[in-house]
Amino acid sequence: MNHTWYVTFEVPRSGTTVQRRSPRLTKTFETEAEARDFARTKFDSGLVVTAGTIIPHLPRRAIPSEEIPIWLESGHTPEPKDGDNAPEPRWPTTKTD
């Protein structure tokens, strides 16, 4: 199996005094559609959810929790906002001798 998507979600606290080391779990998926379906069930139950592609899968995508509703409703990955791309190099691109 070649998993390319992940969904991370918060684990509800059980009410015990013992703190878990990490209150989040991550599950991986082969397709964006599978990841979206899983994320929707966790989001609909009130959990904080994030998602994205697993490195080295390209194009790299990261969907933060505040964009999950848009991702779930749109049926596709949100486009990067201006400024989210790597800056253009500020050095000359031609070689000089």
Protein backbone atom coordinates (compact mmCIF):
# COMPACT_ATOMS: atom_id res chain seq x y z
CA MET A 1 0.00 0.00 0.00
CA ASN A 2 1.22 3.47 -0.89
CA HIS A 3 -0.29 5.88 1.61
CA THR A 4 -0.02 9.48 0.47
CA TRP A 5 -2.51 11.31 2.76
CA TYR A 6 -2.75 11.68 6.51
CA VAL A 7 -5.43 12.94 8.90
CA THR A 8 -4.49 13.99 12.43
CA PHE A 9 -7.21 14.43 15.03
CA GLU A 10 -7.43 15.21 18.71
CA VAL A 11 -8.16 12.37 21.09
CA PRO A 12 -10.98 13.21 23.50
CA ARG A 13 -9.87 13.20 27.12
CA SER A 14 -11.29 10.38 29.18
CA GLY A 15 -11.61 12.50 32.32
CA THR A 16 -8.82 10.72 34.18
CA THR A 17 -6.12 12.65 36.00
CA VAL A 18 -3.34 10.90 34.06
CA GLN A 19 -2.31 13.05 31.10
CA ARG A 20 -1.52 11.33 27.86
CA ARG A 21 1.75 12.15 26.26
CA SER A 22 0.14 13.12 22.95
CA PRO A 23 -3.56 13.94 22.76
CA ARG A 24 -3.57 13.50 18.96
CA LEU A 25 -3.59 10.49 16.66
CA THR A 26 -2.75 10.22 12.97
CA LYS A 27 -4.13 7.83 10.39
CA THR A 28 -2.84 7.42 6.83
CA PHE A 29 -4.75 6.83 3.59
CA GLU A 30 -4.05 5.92 -0.03
CA THR A 31 -6.30 8.61 -1.52
CA GLU A 32 -7.50 12.11 -0.74
CA ALA A 33 -11.11 10.88 -0.93
CA GLU A 34 -10.51 8.30 1.81
CA ALA A 35 -8.75 10.91 3.94
CA ARG A 36 -11.59 13.38 3.42
CA ASP A 37 -14.26 10.82 4.41
CA PHE A 38 -12.38 9.95 7.60
CA ALA A 39 -11.72 13.61 8.41
CA ARG A 40 -15.41 14.38 7.94
CA THR A 41 -16.45 11.80 10.55
CA LYS A 42 -13.95 13.17 13.08
CA PHE A 43 -14.84 16.81 12.30
CA ASP A 44 -18.58 16.09 12.54
CA SER A 45 -18.04 14.60 16.00
CA GLY A 46 -16.51 17.89 17.14
CA LEU A 47 -12.81 17.04 17.03
CA VAL A 48 -10.03 19.33 15.78
CA VAL A 49 -8.72 17.86 12.52
CA THR A 50 -5.77 18.60 10.22
CA ALA A 51 -4.76 16.78 7.02
CA GLY A 52 -2.19 16.72 4.27
CA THR A 53 0.10 14.71 2.07
CA ILE A 54 2.92 12.57 3.36
CA ILE A 55 6.45 13.51 2.32
CA PRO A 56 7.76 12.80 -0.38
CA HIS A 57 4.36 12.87 -2.17
CA LEU A 58 4.09 15.84 -4.54
CA PRO A 59 2.46 18.25 -4.70
CA ARG A 60 2.78 18.74 -0.95
CA ARG A 61 -0.45 19.82 0.67
CA ALA A 62 -1.22 20.78 4.26
CA ILE A 63 -4.75 21.58 5.35
CA PRO A 64 -4.77 23.35 8.74
CA SER A 65 -7.73 22.94 11.07
CA GLU A 66 -9.26 26.29 10.10
CA GLU A 67 -9.42 25.20 6.42
CA ILE A 68 -10.83 21.71 7.05
CA PRO A 69 -14.49 22.83 6.58
CA ILE A 70 -13.61 24.35 3.18
CA TRP A 71 -11.71 21.20 2.17
CA LEU A 72 -14.60 18.95 3.23
CA GLU A 73 -17.23 21.03 1.42
CA SER A 74 -15.32 21.75 -1.76
CA GLY A 75 -14.30 18.21 -2.57
CA HIS A 76 -10.75 19.30 -3.36
CA THR A 77 -7.69 20.69 -1.65
CA PRO A 78 -7.73 24.48 -1.08
CA GLU A 79 -5.29 26.45 -3.19
CA PRO A 80 -2.34 28.00 -1.35
CA LYS A 81 -2.88 31.59 -0.25
CA ASP A 82 -0.63 34.36 -1.52
CA GLY A 83 2.61 34.29 0.42
CA ASP A 84 2.39 30.54 1.12
CA ASN A 85 4.75 29.75 -1.74
CA ALA A 86 8.50 29.80 -1.36
CA PRO A 87 9.99 33.21 -2.15
CA GLU A 88 11.75 33.75 -5.44
CA PRO A 89 15.55 33.66 -5.14
CA ARG A 90 17.16 37.08 -4.91
CA TRP A 91 20.43 36.07 -6.52
CA PRO A 92 21.27 35.95 -10.24
CA THR A 93 20.21 32.78 -11.99
CA THR A 94 22.86 32.98 -14.72
CA LYS A 95 26.41 31.84 -14.20
CA THR A 96 29.16 34.41 -14.58
CA ASP A 97 32.86 33.68 -15.02
